[in-house]
C-alpha atoms as a PDB file:
ATOM      1  CA  MET A   1     -20.750 -25.326 -20.013  1.00  0.00           C
ATOM      2  CA  ASP A   2     -20.225 -26.085 -16.682  1.00  0.00           C
ATOM      3  CA  ARG A   3     -16.171 -25.438 -15.928  1.00  0.00           C
ATOM      4  CA  GLY A   4     -15.422 -27.385 -12.768  1.00  0.00           C
ATOM      5  CA  PRO A   5     -12.824 -27.180 -10.315  1.00  0.00           C
ATOM      6  CA  ILE A   6      -9.425 -27.130 -11.500  1.00  0.00           C
ATOM      7  CA  PHE A   7      -6.579 -29.372  -8.920  1.00  0.00           C
ATOM      8  CA  ILE A   8      -2.901 -28.602  -9.531  1.00  0.00           C
ATOM      9  CA  GLY A   9      -1.004 -31.553  -8.300  1.00  0.00           C
ATOM     10  CA  GLY A  10       2.597 -32.614  -8.004  1.00  0.00           C
ATOM     11  CA  LEU A  11       5.608 -33.386  -4.933  1.00  0.00           C
ATOM     12  CA  ASP A  12       7.326 -30.308  -4.100  1.00  0.00           C
ATOM     13  CA  ARG A  13       9.757 -28.403  -5.909  1.00  0.00           C
ATOM     14  CA  SER A  14       7.946 -29.363  -8.795  1.00  0.00           C
ATOM     15  CA  GLY A  15       6.925 -26.029 -10.245  1.00  0.00           C
ATOM     16  CA  LYS A  16       3.269 -26.185  -8.694  1.00  0.00           C
ATOM     17  CA  THR A  17       3.520 -22.457  -7.832  1.00  0.00           C
ATOM     18  CA  TRP A  18       5.035 -21.097 -11.274  1.00  0.00           C
ATOM     19  CA  LEU A  19       1.471 -22.805 -12.754  1.00  0.00           C
ATOM     20  CA  ARG A  20      -0.862 -21.278  -9.998  1.00  0.00           C
ATOM     21  CA  LEU A  21       0.964 -17.772 -10.386  1.00  0.00           C
ATOM     22  CA  PRO A  22      -0.128 -17.634 -13.475  1.00  0.00           C
ATOM     23  CA  LEU A  23      -3.647 -19.156 -13.744  1.00  0.00           C
ATOM     24  CA  SER A  24      -4.410 -17.501 -10.665  1.00  0.00           C
ATOM     25  CA  SER A  25      -3.928 -14.066 -12.728  1.00  0.00           C
ATOM     26  CA  HIS A  26      -6.621 -15.048 -15.411  1.00  0.00           C
ATOM     27  CA  PRO A  27     -10.099 -13.264 -14.600  1.00  0.00           C
ATOM     28  CA  HIS A  28     -11.977 -16.069 -14.184  1.00  0.00           C
ATOM     29  CA  LEU A  29      -9.234 -18.297 -11.925  1.00  0.00           C
ATOM     30  CA  ALA A  30      -8.808 -18.166  -7.746  1.00  0.00           C
ATOM     31  CA  PHE A  31      -6.624 -20.554  -6.476  1.00  0.00           C
ATOM     32  CA  SER A  32      -5.710 -21.492  -3.063  1.00  0.00           C
ATOM     33  CA  ARG A  33      -2.964 -23.778  -1.761  1.00  0.00           C
ATOM     34  CA  ARG A  34      -1.525 -26.170   0.637  1.00  0.00           C
ATOM     35  CA  VAL A  35      -5.220 -26.269   2.258  1.00  0.00           C
ATOM     36  CA  ASN A  36      -5.041 -30.219   2.101  1.00  0.00           C
ATOM     37  CA  LEU A  37      -8.331 -31.064   2.330  1.00  0.00           C
ATOM     38  CA  TRP A  38      -8.513 -34.426   0.873  1.00  0.00           C
ATOM     39  CA  THR A  39      -5.621 -35.308   3.237  1.00  0.00           C
ATOM     40  CA  LEU A  40      -6.781 -33.461   6.260  1.00  0.00           C
ATOM     41  CA  PHE A  41     -10.480 -33.725   6.212  1.00  0.00           C
ATOM     42  CA  TYR A  42     -11.957 -35.986   3.982  1.00  0.00           C
ATOM     43  CA  ASP A  43     -14.079 -39.015   5.806  1.00  0.00           C
ATOM     44  CA  GLN A  44     -12.180 -38.559   8.884  1.00  0.00           C
ATOM     45  CA  TYR A  45     -15.165 -37.306  10.744  1.00  0.00           C
ATOM     46  CA  GLY A  46     -17.893 -39.364   9.833  1.00  0.00           C
ATOM     47  CA  ASP A  47     -21.232 -38.938   7.987  1.00  0.00           C
ATOM     48  CA  LEU A  48     -21.511 -35.305   7.278  1.00  0.00           C
ATOM     49  CA  SER A  49     -25.548 -35.634   7.542  1.00  0.00           C
ATOM     50  CA  ARG A  50     -24.975 -35.787  11.067  1.00  0.00           C
ATOM     51  CA  ARG A  51     -24.701 -32.243  12.408  1.00  0.00           C
ATOM     52  CA  ASP A  52     -22.480 -33.111  15.299  1.00  0.00           C
ATOM     53  CA  ASN A  53     -19.644 -34.535  12.869  1.00  0.00           C
ATOM     54  CA  PHE A  54     -20.055 -31.902  10.681  1.00  0.00           C
ATOM     55  CA  GLU A  55     -19.822 -28.948  13.103  1.00  0.00           C
ATOM     56  CA  ARG A  56     -16.575 -31.263  14.296  1.00  0.00           C
ATOM     57  CA  CYS A  57     -15.292 -30.962  10.771  1.00  0.00           C
ATOM     58  CA  LEU A  58     -15.731 -27.316   9.963  1.00  0.00           C
ATOM     59  CA  ALA A  59     -14.475 -26.810  13.334  1.00  0.00           C
ATOM     60  CA  ALA A  60     -11.183 -28.671  12.835  1.00  0.00           C
ATOM     61  CA  MET A  61     -10.924 -27.004   8.941  1.00  0.00           C
ATOM     62  CA  LEU A  62     -11.833 -23.365  10.821  1.00  0.00           C
ATOM     63  CA  ARG A  63      -8.369 -23.797  12.688  1.00  0.00           C
ATOM     64  CA  HIS A  64      -6.249 -24.928   9.964  1.00  0.00           C
ATOM     65  CA  THR A  65      -4.044 -22.259   9.115  1.00  0.00           C
ATOM     66  CA  HIS A  66      -4.583 -22.351   5.136  1.00  0.00           C
ATOM     67  CA  VAL A  67      -8.155 -22.790   4.947  1.00  0.00           C
ATOM     68  CA  ARG A  68      -8.478 -19.329   7.500  1.00  0.00           C
ATOM     69  CA  SER A  69      -6.271 -18.142   5.010  1.00  0.00           C
ATOM     70  CA  LEU A  70      -9.416 -18.175   2.500  1.00  0.00           C
ATOM     71  CA  GLN A  71     -11.993 -15.775   5.532  1.00  0.00           C
ATOM     72  CA  PRO A  72     -14.536 -18.285   5.386  1.00  0.00           C
ATOM     73  CA  ASP A  73     -18.023 -17.570   6.455  1.00  0.00           C
ATOM     74  CA  ALA A  74     -18.522 -19.687   9.034  1.00  0.00           C
ATOM     75  CA  GLU A  75     -22.130 -18.874   8.678  1.00  0.00           C
ATOM     76  CA  ARG A  76     -22.798 -18.980   5.399  1.00  0.00           C
ATOM     77  CA  LEU A  77     -20.894 -22.392   5.330  1.00  0.00           C
ATOM     78  CA  ARG A  78     -23.652 -23.599   7.738  1.00  0.00           C
ATOM     79  CA  GLN A  79     -26.544 -22.655   6.099  1.00  0.00           C
ATOM     80  CA  GLU A  80     -25.527 -23.766   2.254  1.00  0.00           C
ATOM     81  CA  PHE A  81     -24.334 -26.954   3.304  1.00  0.00           C
ATOM     82  CA  TRP A  82     -27.849 -27.736   4.800  1.00  0.00           C
ATOM     83  CA  GLN A  83     -29.551 -26.585   1.316  1.00  0.00           C
ATOM     84  CA  GLY A  84     -27.697 -29.537  -0.651  1.00  0.00           C
ATOM     85  CA  GLU A  85     -26.181 -33.116  -0.159  1.00  0.00           C
ATOM     86  CA  PRO A  86     -24.368 -32.983   3.041  1.00  0.00           C
ATOM     87  CA  THR A  87     -20.849 -34.357   1.946  1.00  0.00           C
ATOM     88  CA  TYR A  88     -17.078 -33.818   2.338  1.00  0.00           C
ATOM     89  CA  ALA A  89     -16.935 -32.588  -1.388  1.00  0.00           C
ATOM     90  CA  ARG A  90     -19.316 -30.337  -1.518  1.00  0.00           C
ATOM     91  CA  LEU A  91     -18.644 -29.098   2.042  1.00  0.00           C
ATOM     92  CA  PHE A  92     -14.839 -28.194   0.307  1.00  0.00           C
ATOM     93  CA  ALA A  93     -16.182 -26.642  -2.828  1.00  0.00           C
ATOM     94  CA  LEU A  94     -18.618 -24.521  -1.017  1.00  0.00           C
ATOM     95  CA  LEU A  95     -15.392 -23.674   1.110  1.00  0.00           C
ATOM     96  CA  HIS A  96     -13.382 -22.401  -2.267  1.00  0.00           C
ATOM     97  CA  GLU A  97     -16.413 -20.956  -4.259  1.00  0.00           C
ATOM     98  CA  GLN A  98     -16.767 -18.275  -1.089  1.00  0.00           C
ATOM     99  CA  TYR A  99     -12.821 -17.817  -2.163  1.00  0.00           C
ATOM    100  CA  ALA A 100     -13.210 -17.548  -5.545  1.00  0.00           C
ATOM    101  CA  GLN A 101     -16.695 -14.865  -5.108  1.00  0.00           C
ATOM    102  CA  ARG A 102     -14.700 -12.451  -3.096  1.00  0.00           C
ATOM    103  CA  GLN A 103     -11.765 -12.238  -5.641  1.00  0.00           C
ATOM    104  CA  GLY A 104     -14.944 -11.701  -8.100  1.00  0.00           C
ATOM    105  CA  LYS A 105     -14.006 -15.009  -9.931  1.00  0.00           C
ATOM    106  CA  PRO A 106     -16.533 -17.558 -11.257  1.00  0.00           C
ATOM    107  CA  ARG A 107     -14.300 -20.808 -11.060  1.00  0.00           C
ATOM    108  CA  TRP A 108     -11.957 -21.693  -8.513  1.00  0.00           C
ATOM    109  CA  GLY A 109      -9.065 -24.222  -8.044  1.00  0.00           C
ATOM    110  CA  ASN A 110      -6.549 -26.202  -5.228  1.00  0.00           C
ATOM    111  CA  GLN A 111      -2.974 -26.683  -5.238  1.00  0.00           C
ATOM    112  CA  ALA A 112      -1.499 -28.879  -3.130  1.00  0.00           C
ATOM    113  CA  GLU A 113       1.144 -31.770  -2.701  1.00  0.00           C
ATOM    114  CA  LEU A 114       0.499 -35.055  -4.522  1.00  0.00           C
ATOM    115  CA  LEU A 115      -2.655 -34.690  -5.236  1.00  0.00           C
ATOM    116  CA  GLU A 116      -2.681 -36.831  -7.707  1.00  0.00           C
ATOM    117  CA  ARG A 117      -2.948 -39.607  -5.129  1.00  0.00           C
ATOM    118  CA  HIS A 118      -6.677 -38.484  -4.410  1.00  0.00           C
ATOM    119  CA  ALA A 119      -7.738 -38.341  -8.364  1.00  0.00           C
ATOM    120  CA  ASP A 120     -10.140 -41.064  -8.248  1.00  0.00           C
ATOM    121  CA  LEU A 121     -11.867 -39.158  -5.251  1.00  0.00           C
ATOM    122  CA  LEU A 122     -11.889 -35.895  -6.718  1.00  0.00           C
ATOM    123  CA  PHE A 123     -13.377 -36.759  -9.935  1.00  0.00           C
ATOM    124  CA  ALA A 124     -15.650 -38.973  -8.700  1.00  0.00           C
ATOM    125  CA  ALA A 125     -16.727 -35.757  -6.380  1.00  0.00           C
ATOM    126  CA  TYR A 126     -16.926 -33.498  -9.090  1.00  0.00           C
ATOM    127  CA  PRO A 127     -17.343 -34.633 -12.613  1.00  0.00           C
ATOM    128  CA  THR A 128     -16.613 -31.745 -14.408  1.00  0.00           C
ATOM    129  CA  ALA A 129     -13.249 -31.366 -12.037  1.00  0.00           C
ATOM    130  CA  LYS A 130      -9.670 -31.260 -14.504  1.00  0.00           C
ATOM    131  CA  MET A 131      -6.242 -32.207 -12.982  1.00  0.00           C
ATOM    132  CA  ILE A 132      -2.635 -30.453 -13.631  1.00  0.00           C
ATOM    133  CA  HIS A 133       0.355 -32.637 -12.957  1.00  0.00           C
ATOM    134  CA  LEU A 134       3.467 -30.820 -12.675  1.00  0.00           C
ATOM    135  CA  ILE A 135       6.833 -33.323 -13.160  1.00  0.00           C
ATOM    136  CA  ARG A 136      10.396 -32.019 -12.684  1.00  0.00           C
ATOM    137  CA  ASP A 137      13.535 -33.392 -13.036  1.00  0.00           C
ATOM    138  CA  PRO A 138      14.254 -35.297 -10.070  1.00  0.00           C
ATOM    139  CA  ARG A 139      17.653 -34.542  -9.837  1.00  0.00           C
ATOM    140  CA  ASP A 140      16.975 -31.106  -9.775  1.00  0.00           C
ATOM    141  CA  ARG A 141      13.988 -31.616  -7.795  1.00  0.00           C
ATOM    142  CA  TYR A 142      16.222 -33.196  -4.796  1.00  0.00           C
ATOM    143  CA  ALA A 143      18.653 -30.564  -5.265  1.00  0.00           C
ATOM    144  CA  ALA A 144      15.702 -27.613  -4.779  1.00  0.00           C
ATOM    145  CA  THR A 145      14.796 -29.463  -1.491  1.00  0.00           C
ATOM    146  CA  LEU A 146      18.405 -29.069   0.037  1.00  0.00           C
ATOM    147  CA  THR A 147      16.867 -25.471   0.997  1.00  0.00           C
ATOM    148  CA  ARG A 148      14.772 -26.873   3.483  1.00  0.00           C
ATOM    149  CA  ARG A 149      15.985 -30.316   4.670  1.00  0.00           C
ATOM    150  CA  ARG A 150      18.824 -32.144   5.223  1.00  0.00           C
ATOM    151  CA  ARG A 151      20.946 -34.130   3.174  1.00  0.00           C
ATOM    152  CA  GLY A 152      21.093 -37.691   3.260  1.00  0.00           C
ATOM    153  CA  GLN A 153      17.112 -38.194   2.117  1.00  0.00           C
ATOM    154  CA  VAL A 154      17.988 -38.946  -1.621  1.00  0.00           C
ATOM    155  CA  GLY A 155      16.275 -42.850  -0.961  1.00  0.00           C
ATOM    156  CA  ALA A 156      13.447 -41.190   0.168  1.00  0.00           C
ATOM    157  CA  ALA A 157      12.962 -38.596  -2.958  1.00  0.00           C
ATOM    158  CA  THR A 158      13.645 -40.640  -5.395  1.00  0.00           C
ATOM    159  CA  ALA A 159      11.253 -42.881  -4.059  1.00  0.00           C
ATOM    160  CA  ARG A 160       8.601 -40.025  -3.762  1.00  0.00           C
ATOM    161  CA  TRP A 161       9.405 -39.222  -7.329  1.00  0.00           C
ATOM    162  CA  LEU A 162       8.558 -42.389  -8.771  1.00  0.00           C
ATOM    163  CA  TYR A 163       5.532 -42.637  -6.690  1.00  0.00           C
ATOM    164  CA  SER A 164       4.567 -39.634  -7.998  1.00  0.00           C
ATOM    165  CA  VAL A 165       5.305 -40.087 -11.790  1.00  0.00           C
ATOM    166  CA  ARG A 166       3.587 -43.613 -11.870  1.00  0.00           C
ATOM    167  CA  LEU A 167       0.481 -42.402 -10.775  1.00  0.00           C
ATOM    168  CA  ALA A 168       0.646 -39.485 -13.059  1.00  0.00           C
ATOM    169  CA  GLU A 169       1.494 -42.532 -15.945  1.00  0.00           C
ATOM    170  CA  ARG A 170      -1.896 -44.071 -14.329  1.00  0.00           C
ATOM    171  CA  ASN A 171      -4.201 -40.965 -13.668  1.00  0.00           C
ATOM    172  CA  ARG A 172      -3.367 -39.879 -17.542  1.00  0.00           C
ATOM    173  CA  ARG A 173      -4.568 -43.344 -18.689  1.00  0.00           C
ATOM    174  CA  ARG A 174      -7.293 -43.395 -16.674  1.00  0.00           C
ATOM    175  CA  TYR A 175      -8.580 -40.024 -17.419  1.00  0.00           C
ATOM    176  CA  PRO A 176      -7.350 -38.940 -20.547  1.00  0.00           C
ATOM    177  CA  ASP A 177      -9.601 -36.006 -21.079  1.00  0.00           C
ATOM    178  CA  ARG A 178      -8.898 -34.871 -17.620  1.00  0.00           C
ATOM    179  CA  TYR A 179      -5.591 -35.029 -16.745  1.00  0.00           C
ATOM    180  CA  GLN A 180      -3.179 -32.695 -17.988  1.00  0.00           C
ATOM    181  CA  ILE A 181       0.949 -33.614 -17.396  1.00  0.00           C
ATOM    182  CA  VAL A 182       3.284 -30.351 -17.302  1.00  0.00           C
ATOM    183  CA  ARG A 183       6.751 -30.701 -16.963  1.00  0.00           C
ATOM    184  CA  TYR A 184       8.377 -27.882 -15.327  1.00  0.00           C
ATOM    185  CA  GLU A 185      11.202 -27.841 -17.768  1.00  0.00           C
ATOM    186  CA  THR A 186       8.842 -26.840 -20.344  1.00  0.00           C
ATOM    187  CA  LEU A 187       6.866 -24.301 -18.209  1.00  0.00           C
ATOM    188  CA  VAL A 188       9.898 -22.584 -17.251  1.00  0.00           C
ATOM    189  CA  SER A 189      11.483 -22.728 -21.167  1.00  0.00           C
ATOM    190  CA  GLN A 190       8.278 -22.304 -22.998  1.00  0.00           C
ATOM    191  CA  PRO A 191       6.192 -20.204 -20.564  1.00  0.00           C
ATOM    192  CA  GLU A 192       3.562 -18.676 -23.176  1.00  0.00           C
ATOM    193  CA  ALA A 193       3.118 -21.868 -25.278  1.00  0.00           C
ATOM    194  CA  THR A 194       2.615 -24.039 -21.889  1.00  0.00           C
ATOM    195  CA  LEU A 195       0.046 -21.751 -20.324  1.00  0.00           C
ATOM    196  CA  ARG A 196      -1.347 -21.656 -23.519  1.00  0.00           C
ATOM    197  CA  GLU A 197      -1.741 -25.750 -23.722  1.00  0.00           C
ATOM    198  CA  VAL A 198      -2.898 -25.041 -20.206  1.00  0.00           C
ATOM    199  CA  CYS A 199      -5.680 -22.788 -21.082  1.00  0.00           C
ATOM    200  CA  ALA A 200      -6.851 -25.001 -24.219  1.00  0.00           C
ATOM    201  CA  PHE A 201      -7.295 -28.078 -21.684  1.00  0.00           C
ATOM    202  CA  LEU A 202      -9.265 -25.460 -19.290  1.00  0.00           C
ATOM    203  CA  ASP A 203     -11.624 -24.515 -21.776  1.00  0.00           C
ATOM    204  CA  GLU A 204     -10.486 -20.854 -20.442  1.00  0.00           C
ATOM    205  CA  ALA A 205      -8.785 -18.126 -23.176  1.00  0.00           C
ATOM    206  CA  TYR A 206      -5.331 -17.131 -22.630  1.00  0.00           C
ATOM    207  CA  THR A 207      -4.900 -13.974 -21.587  1.00  0.00           C
ATOM    208  CA  PRO A 208      -1.384 -11.805 -21.535  1.00  0.00           C
ATOM    209  CA  ALA A 209      -2.037 -10.964 -17.678  1.00  0.00           C
ATOM    210  CA  MET A 210      -1.138 -14.272 -16.706  1.00  0.00           C
ATOM    211  CA  LEU A 211       2.467 -14.320 -17.902  1.00  0.00           C
ATOM    212  CA  ALA A 212       3.061 -11.378 -16.354  1.00  0.00           C
ATOM    213  CA  MET A 213       1.270 -12.637 -12.767  1.00  0.00           C
ATOM    214  CA  GLN A 214      -0.463  -8.460 -12.883  1.00  0.00           C
ATOM    215  CA  ASP A 215      -3.005 -10.317  -9.832  1.00  0.00           C
ATOM    216  CA  VAL A 216      -0.005 -11.605  -7.739  1.00  0.00           C
ATOM    217  CA  PRO A 217       2.118  -8.665  -7.547  1.00  0.00           C
ATOM    218  CA  ARG A 218       3.556  -9.800  -4.140  1.00  0.00           C
ATOM    219  CA  PHE A 219       4.736 -12.851  -6.004  1.00  0.00           C
ATOM    220  CA  ARG A 220       5.896 -11.605  -8.802  1.00  0.00           C
ATOM    221  CA  ASN A 221       8.436  -9.305  -6.958  1.00  0.00           C
ATOM    222  CA  ARG A 222       9.751 -11.683  -4.606  1.00  0.00           C
ATOM    223  CA  LEU A 223      10.573 -14.515  -8.083  1.00  0.00           C
ATOM    224  CA  GLU A 224      12.214 -11.716  -9.425  1.00  0.00           C
ATOM    225  CA  ARG A 225      14.685 -10.915  -6.860  1.00  0.00           C
ATOM    226  CA  ASP A 226      14.777 -14.662  -7.046  1.00  0.00           C
ATOM    227  CA  ASP A 227      16.180 -14.733 -10.164  1.00  0.00           C
ATOM    228  CA  GLU A 228      17.430 -11.349 -10.463  1.00  0.00           C
ATOM    229  CA  ALA A 229      15.193 -11.031 -13.643  1.00  0.00           C
ATOM    230  CA  ASP A 230      13.752  -7.359 -12.967  1.00  0.00           C
ATOM    231  CA  GLU A 231      13.439  -6.266 -16.482  1.00  0.00           C
ATOM    232  CA  MET A 232      11.678  -9.660 -17.933  1.00  0.00           C
ATOM    233  CA  PRO A 233       8.292 -10.006 -18.789  1.00  0.00           C
ATOM    234  CA  SER A 234       7.883 -12.750 -16.567  1.00  0.00           C
ATOM    235  CA  PRO A 235       9.756 -13.811 -13.729  1.00  0.00           C
ATOM    236  CA  ILE A 236       9.134 -17.482 -14.763  1.00  0.00           C
ATOM    237  CA  SER A 237      12.663 -18.336 -15.727  1.00  0.00           C
ATOM    238  CA  THR A 238      15.207 -20.868 -16.637  1.00  0.00           C
ATOM    239  CA  ALA A 239      17.538 -20.672 -14.206  1.00  0.00           C
ATOM    240  CA  TYR A 240      17.288 -23.667 -12.000  1.00  0.00           C
ATOM    241  CA  LEU A 241      17.272 -25.754 -15.222  1.00  0.00           C
ATOM    242  CA  GLY A 242      20.696 -28.359 -13.896  1.00  0.00           C
ATOM    243  CA  ARG A 243      21.738 -26.842 -10.585  1.00  0.00           C
ATOM    244  CA  PHE A 244      21.882 -30.594  -9.429  1.00  0.00           C
ATOM    245  CA  ARG A 245      25.267 -30.625 -11.414  1.00  0.00           C
ATOM    246  CA  GLN A 246      26.520 -28.163  -8.567  1.00  0.00           C
ATOM    247  CA  ALA A 247      24.337 -28.965  -5.696  1.00  0.00           C
ATOM    248  CA  ILE A 248      24.444 -32.383  -5.103  1.00  0.00           C
ATOM    249  CA  PRO A 249      27.482 -34.981  -5.010  1.00  0.00           C
ATOM    250  CA  LYS A 250      27.878 -37.100  -8.161  1.00  0.00           C
ATOM    251  CA  ARG A 251      27.050 -40.251  -5.951  1.00  0.00           C
ATOM    252  CA  GLU A 252      23.692 -38.737  -5.203  1.00  0.00           C
ATOM    253  CA  ILE A 253      23.217 -38.137  -8.655  1.00  0.00           C
ATOM    254  CA  ALA A 254      24.147 -41.662  -9.167  1.00  0.00           C
ATOM    255  CA  PHE A 255      21.466 -43.163  -7.006  1.00  0.00           C
ATOM    256  CA  ILE A 256      19.005 -41.520  -8.610  1.00  0.00           C
ATOM    257  CA  GLN A 257      19.922 -42.285 -12.223  1.00  0.00           C
ATOM    258  CA  THR A 258      20.207 -46.193 -11.165  1.00  0.00           C
ATOM    259  CA  LEU A 259      16.663 -46.237 -10.060  1.00  0.00           C
ATOM    260  CA  ALA A 260      14.652 -44.077 -11.671  1.00  0.00           C
ATOM    261  CA  GLY A 261      16.688 -43.916 -14.993  1.00  0.00           C
ATOM    262  CA  ARG A 262      13.856 -45.706 -17.013  1.00  0.00           C
ATOM    263  CA  GLU A 263      11.367 -43.248 -15.985  1.00  0.00           C
ATOM    264  CA  MET A 264      13.754 -40.601 -16.048  1.00  0.00           C
ATOM    265  CA  ASN A 265      14.083 -41.639 -20.108  1.00  0.00           C
ATOM    266  CA  ALA A 266      10.735 -42.147 -20.620  1.00  0.00           C
ATOM    267  CA  TRP A 267       9.828 -38.447 -19.595  1.00  0.00           C
ATOM    268  CA  GLY A 268      12.890 -36.622 -21.541  1.00  0.00           C
ATOM    269  CA  TYR A 269      15.826 -36.131 -18.712  1.00  0.00           C
ATOM    270  CA  THR A 270      19.383 -36.925 -20.314  1.00  0.00           C
ATOM    271  CA  LEU A 271      21.043 -38.903 -17.552  1.00  0.00           C
ATOM    272  CA  GLU A 272      24.250 -37.432 -16.377  1.00  0.00           C
ATOM    273  CA  PRO A 273      27.388 -39.223 -17.160  1.00  0.00           C
ATOM    274  CA  ILE A 274      28.821 -40.834 -13.957  1.00  0.00           C
ATOM    275  CA  ALA A 275      32.840 -41.298 -14.025  1.00  0.00           C
ATOM    276  CA  PHE A 276      33.757 -42.533 -10.682  1.00  0.00           C
ATOM    277  CA  SER A 277      37.604 -43.335  -9.212  1.00  0.00           C
ATOM    278  CA  PRO A 278      38.019 -47.081  -7.368  1.00  0.00           C
ATOM    279  CA  GLY A 279      37.810 -45.378  -4.108  1.00  0.00           C
ATOM    280  CA  GLU A 280      34.560 -43.725  -4.796  1.00  0.00           C
ATOM    281  CA  TRP A 281      32.610 -47.001  -6.222  1.00  0.00           C
ATOM    282  CA  PHE A 282      33.765 -48.790  -2.801  1.00  0.00           C
ATOM    283  CA  LEU A 283      32.124 -45.623  -0.865  1.00  0.00           C
ATOM    284  CA  PHE A 284      28.814 -45.476  -3.687  1.00  0.00           C
ATOM    285  CA  TYR A 285      28.022 -49.407  -3.421  1.00  0.00           C
ATOM    286  CA  LEU A 286      29.311 -50.266   0.223  1.00  0.00           C
ATOM    287  CA  ALA A 287      28.116 -46.828   2.109  1.00  0.00           C
ATOM    288  CA  ASP A 288      25.694 -45.098   0.188  1.00  0.00           C
ATOM    289  CA  TRP A 289      23.801 -47.446  -1.658  1.00  0.00           C
ATOM    290  CA  PRO A 290      22.724 -50.004   0.876  1.00  0.00           C
ATOM    291  CA  ALA A 291      21.815 -46.738   3.122  1.00  0.00           C
ATOM    292  CA  ASN A 292      19.927 -44.930   0.591  1.00  0.00           C
ATOM    293  CA  LEU A 293      17.850 -47.646  -0.994  1.00  0.00           C
ATOM    294  CA  ALA A 294      16.854 -48.334   2.729  1.00  0.00           C
ATOM    295  CA  ARG A 295      15.876 -44.939   3.302  1.00  0.00           C
ATOM    296  CA  LEU A 296      13.502 -45.671  -0.279  1.00  0.00           C
ATOM    297  CA  MET A 297      12.230 -48.638   1.077  1.00  0.00           C
ATOM    298  CA  ALA A 298      11.202 -47.119   4.701  1.00  0.00           C
ATOM    299  CA  TRP A 299       9.556 -44.274   2.575  1.00  0.00           C
ATOM    300  CA  ARG A 300       7.393 -47.259   0.379  1.00  0.00           C
ATOM    301  CA  VAL A 301       6.698 -49.283   3.640  1.00  0.00           C
ATOM    302  CA  THR A 302       5.206 -45.881   4.944  1.00  0.00           C
ATOM    303  CA  GLU A 303       2.974 -45.264   2.016  1.00  0.00           C
ATOM    304  CA  VAL A 304       1.267 -49.214   2.350  1.00  0.00           C
ATOM    305  CA  ILE A 305       1.292 -48.426   6.303  1.00  0.00           C
ATOM    306  CA  ARG A 306      -1.061 -45.430   5.171  1.00  0.00           C
ATOM    307  CA  HIS A 307      -3.234 -47.140   2.827  1.00  0.00           C
ATOM    308  CA  ASN A 308      -3.453 -50.462   4.712  1.00  0.00           C
ATOM    309  CA  ARG A 309      -3.921 -48.311   8.311  1.00  0.00           C
ATOM    310  CA  PRO A 310      -5.033 -44.996   6.825  1.00  0.00           C
ATOM    311  CA  ALA A 311      -6.461 -44.127  10.508  1.00  0.00           C
ATOM    312  CA  LEU A 312      -3.069 -44.040  11.943  1.00  0.00           C
ATOM    313  CA  PHE A 313      -1.864 -41.069   9.876  1.00  0.00           C
ATOM    314  CA  GLY A 314      -4.998 -39.177  10.376  1.00  0.00           C
ATOM    315  CA  ARG A 315      -6.340 -39.736   6.289  1.00  0.00           C
ATOM    316  CA  GLN A 316      -8.527 -41.696   4.291  1.00  0.00           C
ATOM    317  CA  ALA A 317      -7.619 -44.477   2.501  1.00  0.00           C
ATOM    318  CA  LEU A 318      -6.202 -44.626  -1.237  1.00  0.00           C
ATOM    319  CA  PRO A 319      -7.721 -46.483  -3.985  1.00  0.00           C
ATOM    320  CA  ASP A 320      -6.306 -49.813  -4.343  1.00  0.00           C
ATOM    321  CA  THR A 321      -4.784 -48.946  -7.657  1.00  0.00           C
ATOM    322  CA  ALA A 322      -2.715 -46.137  -6.483  1.00  0.00           C
ATOM    323  CA  ALA A 323      -1.503 -47.290  -3.561  1.00  0.00           C
ATOM    324  CA  ARG A 324       0.179 -49.759  -5.541  1.00  0.00           C
ATOM    325  CA  ALA A 325       1.672 -47.211  -8.323  1.00  0.00           C
ATOM    326  CA  LYS A 326       4.824 -47.181  -7.132  1.00  0.00           C
END
């Protein structure tokens, strides 16, 4: 059986790493992260059947930090590339095949933010590929991003979440046998059952080493320190569920729920009851609402520009249906 590559998509802080680490402990699976080949390099250097275009593309890839972390053999890539179809997809596959072979594993995968926007391209390029899309409660996801970003971005965060979950719905309808959606909350509360379901989807046998993350001790140890879970059989923890209640103000919770409430209910996220004083209502509707709505619309406009003017952003155009999934 030809088991193709595996792609893990979703927004940042949605649980992609929590899934990639157990899968990386499977004896058959080798995963890269953040190489962003389809966003940064695909179709950016012209027809790769021209050697000068191929060399420019390869040189750019080899300058990228996360590509270099895979320790590619450039000369081997050159030799193998010209033995088959000279396409971007094949070049990206050769890079990952090298990485998997160095780990002694037969199958490769890639984790990257918003890979779901490239589903059409990926499935066309790799006919046996499969994709797993992580979704998380938008309130908890936004709260988690505040460790790296300043406040005031709830509008853009809501727009991004809506974009991602609508792509999830669209892609699953289009590719029902090749697209699996996993909720962060289900993964951390039922890790073994979730990993077994993922393995069945990938046509791989479940192994207990996945839950223990035996092949990634550095990350396991870090996660255990973060979650104070040294005695647990797996560092996967429910500790971060519902953190938004302490981490973000209720006016931001209200904004997320007002704009994304229908989608939240559809994905099983219960809306929080919000009680405002008259002064808080005043601040919410006259200050917070217009500012956050403007940021939401600005993010959507940026995505439309990316779709219609991809060269301005150094990336390929998105499929029309995906670009409209907002």
